[in-house]
Amino acid sequence: MRNVAWIWFAGCVAWVVSGVIALRQNSLQHAQLSFLVAMVFLAAGFFYRKQQR
């Protein structure tokens, strides 16, 4: 699982981009949710990156 931890970081980037787009469209609730999900993806990425084989 450690070798594919990058997918979590890619998901984090995608959600951050979604949040930025939502902010530019003045959709504050969507932006907040996007950034919250991005933080979850970032935490999962760090969790799976630290795992031993």
Protein backbone atom coordinates (compact mmCIF):
# COMPACT_ATOMS: atom_id res chain seq x y z
CA MET A 1 0.00 0.00 0.00
CA ARG A 2 2.94 2.29 0.62
CA ASN A 3 3.85 2.32 -3.07
CA VAL A 4 0.46 3.70 -4.06
CA ALA A 5 0.17 6.33 -1.29
CA TRP A 6 0.67 9.00 -3.97
CA ILE A 7 -2.96 8.50 -5.04
CA TRP A 8 -4.10 10.04 -1.74
CA PHE A 9 -1.92 13.10 -2.37
CA ALA A 10 -3.31 13.40 -5.91
CA GLY A 11 -6.81 13.27 -4.46
CA CYS A 12 -5.86 15.99 -1.98
CA VAL A 13 -4.67 18.23 -4.81
CA ALA A 14 -7.88 17.59 -6.75
CA TRP A 15 -10.02 18.58 -3.76
CA VAL A 16 -7.94 21.71 -3.14
CA VAL A 17 -8.43 22.73 -6.78
CA SER A 18 -12.16 22.12 -6.37
CA GLY A 19 -12.16 24.31 -3.27
CA VAL A 20 -10.34 27.13 -5.02
CA ILE A 21 -12.79 27.01 -7.91
CA ALA A 22 -15.69 27.08 -5.45
CA LEU A 23 -14.19 30.10 -3.71
CA ARG A 24 -13.84 31.94 -7.00
CA GLN A 25 -17.51 31.21 -7.70
CA ASN A 26 -18.51 32.51 -4.22
CA SER A 27 -19.76 29.12 -3.02
CA LEU A 28 -18.44 29.14 0.53
CA GLN A 29 -20.11 25.91 1.72
CA HIS A 30 -18.76 23.90 -1.21
CA ALA A 31 -15.29 25.37 -0.67
CA GLN A 32 -15.31 24.47 3.04
CA LEU A 33 -16.39 20.93 2.30
CA SER A 34 -13.74 20.58 -0.41
CA PHE A 35 -10.97 21.76 1.89
CA LEU A 36 -12.18 19.45 4.66
CA VAL A 37 -12.12 16.45 2.34
CA ALA A 38 -8.68 17.54 1.10
CA MET A 39 -7.39 17.45 4.69
CA VAL A 40 -8.75 13.92 5.10
CA PHE A 41 -6.99 12.83 1.92
CA LEU A 42 -3.75 14.48 3.08
CA ALA A 43 -3.92 12.69 6.44
CA ALA A 44 -4.59 9.37 4.72
CA GLY A 45 -1.64 9.95 2.41
CA PHE A 46 0.72 10.52 5.33
CA PHE A 47 -0.73 7.52 7.16
CA TYR A 48 -0.21 5.12 4.25
CA ARG A 49 3.20 6.58 3.42
CA LYS A 50 4.49 5.73 6.91
CA GLN A 51 3.37 2.11 6.87
CA GLN A 52 6.02 -0.58 6.81
CA ARG A 53 6.00 -3.41 4.32
